[in-house]
PDB file of N, CA and C in Angstrom:
ATOM      1  N   UNK A   1       0.833  -1.188   0.000  1.00  0.00           N
ATOM      2  CA  UNK A   1       0.000   0.000   0.000  1.00  0.00           C
ATOM      3  C   UNK A   1       0.878   1.253   0.000  1.00  0.00           C
ATOM      4  N   UNK A   2       0.550   2.198  -0.869  1.00  0.00           N
ATOM      5  CA  UNK A   2       1.398   3.391  -0.995  1.00  0.00           C
ATOM      6  C   UNK A   2       1.512   4.218   0.288  1.00  0.00           C
ATOM      7  N   UNK A   3       0.420   4.354   1.033  1.00  0.00           N
ATOM      8  CA  UNK A   3       0.501   5.193   2.232  1.00  0.00           C
ATOM      9  C   UNK A   3       1.373   4.546   3.304  1.00  0.00           C
ATOM     10  N   UNK A   4       1.398   3.220   3.378  1.00  0.00           N
ATOM     11  CA  UNK A   4       2.273   2.539   4.345  1.00  0.00           C
ATOM     12  C   UNK A   4       3.740   2.734   3.950  1.00  0.00           C
ATOM     13  N   UNK A   5       4.016   2.675   2.661  1.00  0.00           N
ATOM     14  CA  UNK A   5       5.375   2.884   2.172  1.00  0.00           C
ATOM     15  C   UNK A   5       5.842   4.295   2.525  1.00  0.00           C
ATOM     16  N   UNK A   6       4.962   5.264   2.345  1.00  0.00           N
ATOM     17  CA  UNK A   6       5.283   6.649   2.662  1.00  0.00           C
ATOM     18  C   UNK A   6       5.539   6.810   4.164  1.00  0.00           C
ATOM     19  N   UNK A   7       4.700   6.184   4.981  1.00  0.00           N
ATOM     20  CA  UNK A   7       4.891   6.261   6.433  1.00  0.00           C
ATOM     21  C   UNK A   7       6.227   5.650   6.847  1.00  0.00           C
ATOM     22  N   UNK A   8       6.573   4.517   6.262  1.00  0.00           N
ATOM     23  CA  UNK A   8       7.836   3.855   6.589  1.00  0.00           C
ATOM     24  C   UNK A   8       9.021   4.735   6.195  1.00  0.00           C
ATOM     25  N   UNK A   9       8.928   5.375   5.047  1.00  0.00           N
ATOM     26  CA  UNK A   9      10.013   6.249   4.599  1.00  0.00           C
ATOM     27  C   UNK A   9      10.156   7.455   5.523  1.00  0.00           C
ATOM     28  N   UNK A  10       9.052   7.987   5.992  1.00  0.00           N
ATOM     29  CA  UNK A  10       9.105   9.167   6.854  1.00  0.00           C
ATOM     30  C   UNK A  10       9.638   8.838   8.243  1.00  0.00           C
ATOM     31  N   UNK A  11       9.543   7.594   8.687  1.00  0.00           N
ATOM     32  CA  UNK A  11      10.040   7.207  10.002  1.00  0.00           C
ATOM     33  C   UNK A  11      11.565   7.277  10.080  1.00  0.00           C
ATOM     34  N   UNK A  12      12.233   7.247   8.943  1.00  0.00           N
ATOM     35  CA  UNK A  12      13.692   7.298   8.925  1.00  0.00           C
ATOM     36  C   UNK A  12      14.222   8.671   9.330  1.00  0.00           C
ATOM     37  N   UNK A  13      13.394   9.700   9.205  1.00  0.00           N
ATOM     38  CA  UNK A  13      13.818  11.056   9.523  1.00  0.00           C
ATOM     39  C   UNK A  13      13.409  11.403  10.946  1.00  0.00           C
ATOM     40  N   UNK A  14      14.318  12.022  11.672  1.00  0.00           N
ATOM     41  CA  UNK A  14      14.076  12.341  13.080  1.00  0.00           C
ATOM     42  C   UNK A  14      13.124  13.521  13.251  1.00  0.00           C
ATOM     43  N   UNK A  15      13.135  14.437  12.300  1.00  0.00           N
ATOM     44  CA  UNK A  15      12.270  15.609  12.427  1.00  0.00           C
ATOM     45  C   UNK A  15      11.737  16.008  11.062  1.00  0.00           C
ATOM     46  N   UNK A  16      10.712  16.825  11.079  1.00  0.00           N
ATOM     47  CA  UNK A  16      10.137  17.317   9.829  1.00  0.00           C
ATOM     48  C   UNK A  16      11.128  18.218   9.096  1.00  0.00           C
ATOM     49  N   UNK A  17      11.961  18.921   9.843  1.00  0.00           N
ATOM     50  CA  UNK A  17      12.952  19.802   9.218  1.00  0.00           C
ATOM     51  C   UNK A  17      13.942  18.992   8.382  1.00  0.00           C
ATOM     52  N   UNK A  18      14.379  17.850   8.916  1.00  0.00           N
ATOM     53  CA  UNK A  18      15.309  17.005   8.161  1.00  0.00           C
ATOM     54  C   UNK A  18      14.639  16.438   6.915  1.00  0.00           C
ATOM     55  N   UNK A  19      13.380  16.050   7.039  1.00  0.00           N
ATOM     56  CA  UNK A  19      12.637  15.537   5.893  1.00  0.00           C
ATOM     57  C   UNK A  19      12.506  16.608   4.828  1.00  0.00           C
ATOM     58  N   UNK A  20      12.184  17.825   5.236  1.00  0.00           N
ATOM     59  CA  UNK A  20      12.023  18.921   4.294  1.00  0.00           C
ATOM     60  C   UNK A  20      13.351  19.238   3.602  1.00  0.00           C
ATOM     61  N   UNK A  21      14.435  19.214   4.353  1.00  0.00           N
ATOM     62  CA  UNK A  21      15.761  19.473   3.788  1.00  0.00           C
ATOM     63  C   UNK A  21      16.117  18.407   2.752  1.00  0.00           C
ATOM     64  N   UNK A  22      15.859  17.142   3.095  1.00  0.00           N
ATOM     65  CA  UNK A  22      16.145  16.051   2.174  1.00  0.00           C
ATOM     66  C   UNK A  22      15.327  16.176   0.896  1.00  0.00           C
ATOM     67  N   UNK A  23      14.029  16.434   1.026  1.00  0.00           N
ATOM     68  CA  UNK A  23      13.185  16.513  -0.169  1.00  0.00           C
ATOM     69  C   UNK A  23      13.581  17.689  -1.046  1.00  0.00           C
ATOM     70  N   UNK A  24      14.045  18.766  -0.440  1.00  0.00           N
ATOM     71  CA  UNK A  24      14.498  19.914  -1.215  1.00  0.00           C
ATOM     72  C   UNK A  24      15.714  19.546  -2.066  1.00  0.00           C
ATOM     73  N   UNK A  25      16.706  18.910  -1.429  1.00  0.00           N
ATOM     74  CA  UNK A  25      17.900  18.496  -2.173  1.00  0.00           C
ATOM     75  C   UNK A  25      17.558  17.420  -3.198  1.00  0.00           C
ATOM     76  N   UNK A  26      16.725  16.488  -2.818  1.00  0.00           N
ATOM     77  CA  UNK A  26      16.353  15.402  -3.725  1.00  0.00           C
ATOM     78  C   UNK A  26      15.680  15.958  -4.973  1.00  0.00           C
ATOM     79  N   UNK A  27      14.793  16.919  -4.814  1.00  0.00           N
ATOM     80  CA  UNK A  27      14.091  17.507  -5.950  1.00  0.00           C
ATOM     81  C   UNK A  27      15.070  18.213  -6.891  1.00  0.00           C
ATOM     82  N   UNK A  28      16.031  18.927  -6.321  1.00  0.00           N
ATOM     83  CA  UNK A  28      17.003  19.638  -7.153  1.00  0.00           C
ATOM     84  C   UNK A  28      17.862  18.668  -7.957  1.00  0.00           C
ATOM     85  N   UNK A  29      18.309  17.608  -7.313  1.00  0.00           N
ATOM     86  CA  UNK A  29      19.147  16.623  -8.005  1.00  0.00           C
ATOM     87  C   UNK A  29      18.329  15.864  -9.039  1.00  0.00           C
ATOM     88  N   UNK A  30      17.105  15.494  -8.693  1.00  0.00           N
ATOM     89  CA  UNK A  30      16.240  14.781  -9.635  1.00  0.00           C
ATOM     90  C   UNK A  30      15.986  15.637 -10.870  1.00  0.00           C
ATOM     91  N   UNK A  31      15.696  16.913 -10.678  1.00  0.00           N
ATOM     92  CA  UNK A  31      15.446  17.802 -11.809  1.00  0.00           C
ATOM     93  C   UNK A  31      16.693  17.973 -12.670  1.00  0.00           C
ATOM     94  N   UNK A  32      17.862  17.899 -12.043  1.00  0.00           N
ATOM     95  CA  UNK A  32      19.112  18.043 -12.788  1.00  0.00           C
ATOM     96  C   UNK A  32      19.325  16.865 -13.738  1.00  0.00           C
ATOM     97  N   UNK A  33      18.956  15.669 -13.306  1.00  0.00           N
ATOM     98  CA  UNK A  33      19.204  14.475 -14.106  1.00  0.00           C
ATOM     99  C   UNK A  33      17.997  14.014 -14.911  1.00  0.00           C
ATOM    100  N   UNK A  34      16.815  14.513 -14.627  1.00  0.00           N
ATOM    101  CA  UNK A  34      15.622  14.095 -15.345  1.00  0.00           C
ATOM    102  C   UNK A  34      15.495  14.905 -16.633  1.00  0.00           C
ATOM    103  N   UNK A  35      15.737  14.264 -17.759  1.00  0.00           N
ATOM    104  CA  UNK A  35      15.695  14.967 -19.037  1.00  0.00           C
ATOM    105  C   UNK A  35      14.498  14.574 -19.884  1.00  0.00           C
ATOM    106  N   UNK A  36      13.521  13.906 -19.299  1.00  0.00           N
ATOM    107  CA  UNK A  36      12.291  13.523 -19.984  1.00  0.00           C
ATOM    108  C   UNK A  36      12.596  12.858 -21.325  1.00  0.00           C
ATOM    109  N   UNK A  37      13.137  11.694 -21.235  1.00  0.00           N
ATOM    110  CA  UNK A  37      13.598  10.929 -22.395  1.00  0.00           C
ATOM    111  C   UNK A  37      12.540  10.799 -23.481  1.00  0.00           C
ATOM    112  N   UNK A  38      11.292  10.670 -23.106  1.00  0.00           N
ATOM    113  CA  UNK A  38      10.239  10.453 -24.095  1.00  0.00           C
ATOM    114  C   UNK A  38       9.979  11.683 -24.966  1.00  0.00           C
ATOM    115  N   UNK A  39      10.537  12.841 -24.608  1.00  0.00           N
ATOM    116  CA  UNK A  39      10.313  14.064 -25.378  1.00  0.00           C
ATOM    117  C   UNK A  39      11.506  14.445 -26.254  1.00  0.00           C
ATOM    118  N   UNK A  40      12.609  13.740 -26.136  1.00  0.00           N
ATOM    119  CA  UNK A  40      13.826  14.113 -26.849  1.00  0.00           C
ATOM    120  C   UNK A  40      14.338  12.966 -27.701  1.00  0.00           C
ATOM    121  N   UNK A  41      15.155  13.325 -28.685  1.00  0.00           N
ATOM    122  CA  UNK A  41      15.796  12.285 -29.487  1.00  0.00           C
ATOM    123  C   UNK A  41      16.878  11.616 -28.649  1.00  0.00           C
ATOM    124  N   UNK A  42      17.290  10.448 -29.064  1.00  0.00           N
ATOM    125  CA  UNK A  42      18.296   9.700 -28.304  1.00  0.00           C
ATOM    126  C   UNK A  42      19.615  10.464 -28.226  1.00  0.00           C
ATOM    127  N   UNK A  43      20.009  11.068 -29.335  1.00  0.00           N
ATOM    128  CA  UNK A  43      21.281  11.788 -29.366  1.00  0.00           C
ATOM    129  C   UNK A  43      21.264  12.982 -28.398  1.00  0.00           C
ATOM    130  N   UNK A  44      20.189  13.746 -28.410  1.00  0.00           N
ATOM    131  CA  UNK A  44      20.070  14.888 -27.503  1.00  0.00           C
ATOM    132  C   UNK A  44      20.061  14.429 -26.057  1.00  0.00           C
ATOM    133  N   UNK A  45      19.333  13.349 -25.782  1.00  0.00           N
ATOM    134  CA  UNK A  45      19.266  12.804 -24.424  1.00  0.00           C
ATOM    135  C   UNK A  45      20.650  12.393 -23.932  1.00  0.00           C
ATOM    136  N   UNK A  46      21.407  11.692 -24.777  1.00  0.00           N
ATOM    137  CA  UNK A  46      22.739  11.233 -24.384  1.00  0.00           C
ATOM    138  C   UNK A  46      23.677  12.414 -24.132  1.00  0.00           C
ATOM    139  N   UNK A  47      23.572  13.460 -24.947  1.00  0.00           N
ATOM    140  CA  UNK A  47      24.415  14.639 -24.749  1.00  0.00           C
ATOM    141  C   UNK A  47      24.096  15.330 -23.427  1.00  0.00           C
ATOM    142  N   UNK A  48      22.809  15.498 -23.148  1.00  0.00           N
ATOM    143  CA  UNK A  48      22.409  16.150 -21.898  1.00  0.00           C
ATOM    144  C   UNK A  48      22.784  15.301 -20.686  1.00  0.00           C
ATOM    145  N   UNK A  49      22.618  13.980 -20.805  1.00  0.00           N
ATOM    146  CA  UNK A  49      22.966  13.089 -19.697  1.00  0.00           C
ATOM    147  C   UNK A  49      24.462  13.145 -19.422  1.00  0.00           C
ATOM    148  N   UNK A  50      25.269  13.118 -20.476  1.00  0.00           N
ATOM    149  CA  UNK A  50      26.723  13.196 -20.303  1.00  0.00           C
ATOM    150  C   UNK A  50      27.134  14.514 -19.660  1.00  0.00           C
ATOM    151  N   UNK A  51      26.537  15.606 -20.114  1.00  0.00           N
ATOM    152  CA  UNK A  51      26.855  16.913 -19.537  1.00  0.00           C
ATOM    153  C   UNK A  51      26.461  16.968 -18.065  1.00  0.00           C
ATOM    154  N   UNK A  52      25.316  16.403 -17.721  1.00  0.00           N
ATOM    155  CA  UNK A  52      24.864  16.399 -16.325  1.00  0.00           C
ATOM    156  C   UNK A  52      25.793  15.560 -15.457  1.00  0.00           C
ATOM    157  N   UNK A  53      26.235  14.419 -15.962  1.00  0.00           N
ATOM    158  CA  UNK A  53      27.138  13.566 -15.187  1.00  0.00           C
ATOM    159  C   UNK A  53      28.502  14.219 -14.984  1.00  0.00           C
ATOM    160  N   UNK A  54      29.015  14.877 -16.010  1.00  0.00           N
ATOM    161  CA  UNK A  54      30.296  15.583 -15.875  1.00  0.00           C
ATOM    162  C   UNK A  54      30.173  16.682 -14.827  1.00  0.00           C
ATOM    163  N   UNK A  55      29.070  17.425 -14.888  1.00  0.00           N
ATOM    164  CA  UNK A  55      28.846  18.482 -13.905  1.00  0.00           C
ATOM    165  C   UNK A  55      28.726  17.898 -12.496  1.00  0.00           C
ATOM    166  N   UNK A  56      28.063  16.757 -12.374  1.00  0.00           N
ATOM    167  CA  UNK A  56      27.910  16.116 -11.064  1.00  0.00           C
ATOM    168  C   UNK A  56      29.260  15.637 -10.523  1.00  0.00           C
ATOM    169  N   UNK A  57      30.082  15.028 -11.388  1.00  0.00           N
ATOM    170  CA  UNK A  57      31.402  14.565 -10.952  1.00  0.00           C
ATOM    171  C   UNK A  57      32.271  15.742 -10.511  1.00  0.00           C
ATOM    172  N   UNK A  58      32.201  16.851 -11.239  1.00  0.00           N
ATOM    173  CA  UNK A  58      32.962  18.041 -10.852  1.00  0.00           C
ATOM    174  C   UNK A  58      32.484  18.582  -9.509  1.00  0.00           C
ATOM    175  N   UNK A  59      31.188  18.553  -9.296  1.00  0.00           N
ATOM    176  CA  UNK A  59      30.622  19.020  -8.027  1.00  0.00           C
ATOM    177  C   UNK A  59      31.081  18.136  -6.872  1.00  0.00           C
ATOM    178  N   UNK A  60      31.068  16.826  -7.083  1.00  0.00           N
ATOM    179  CA  UNK A  60      31.469  15.891  -6.021  1.00  0.00           C
ATOM    180  C   UNK A  60      32.967  15.966  -5.739  1.00  0.00           C
ATOM    181  N   UNK A  61      33.756  16.263  -6.750  1.00  0.00           N
ATOM    182  CA  UNK A  61      35.205  16.324  -6.581  1.00  0.00           C
ATOM    183  C   UNK A  61      35.636  17.584  -5.830  1.00  0.00           C
ATOM    184  N   UNK A  62      34.819  18.615  -5.903  1.00  0.00           N
ATOM    185  CA  UNK A  62      35.190  19.896  -5.263  1.00  0.00           C
ATOM    186  C   UNK A  62      35.001  19.871  -3.773  1.00  0.00           C
TER     187      UNK A  62
END
C-alpha cells in the first residue's frame, strides 16, 4: 500500500525539518538528471545526460 510505504520512509527522519531538507535536495538533483527521455531524441538525451554527469562529478570532486 502506498501510504504505508510513505509512512515507513518518513520514520527514517528524526524531524520534519530534516525531511524537508532532504526533499528539497532530492528535488534539485532529480530535476538536474531528469531529461524527460520520451520528449527528446536519443542523441540529444545522451548529450544532456553526459553533460549532467560531468557536472555532477565536478561538483562531487570539489
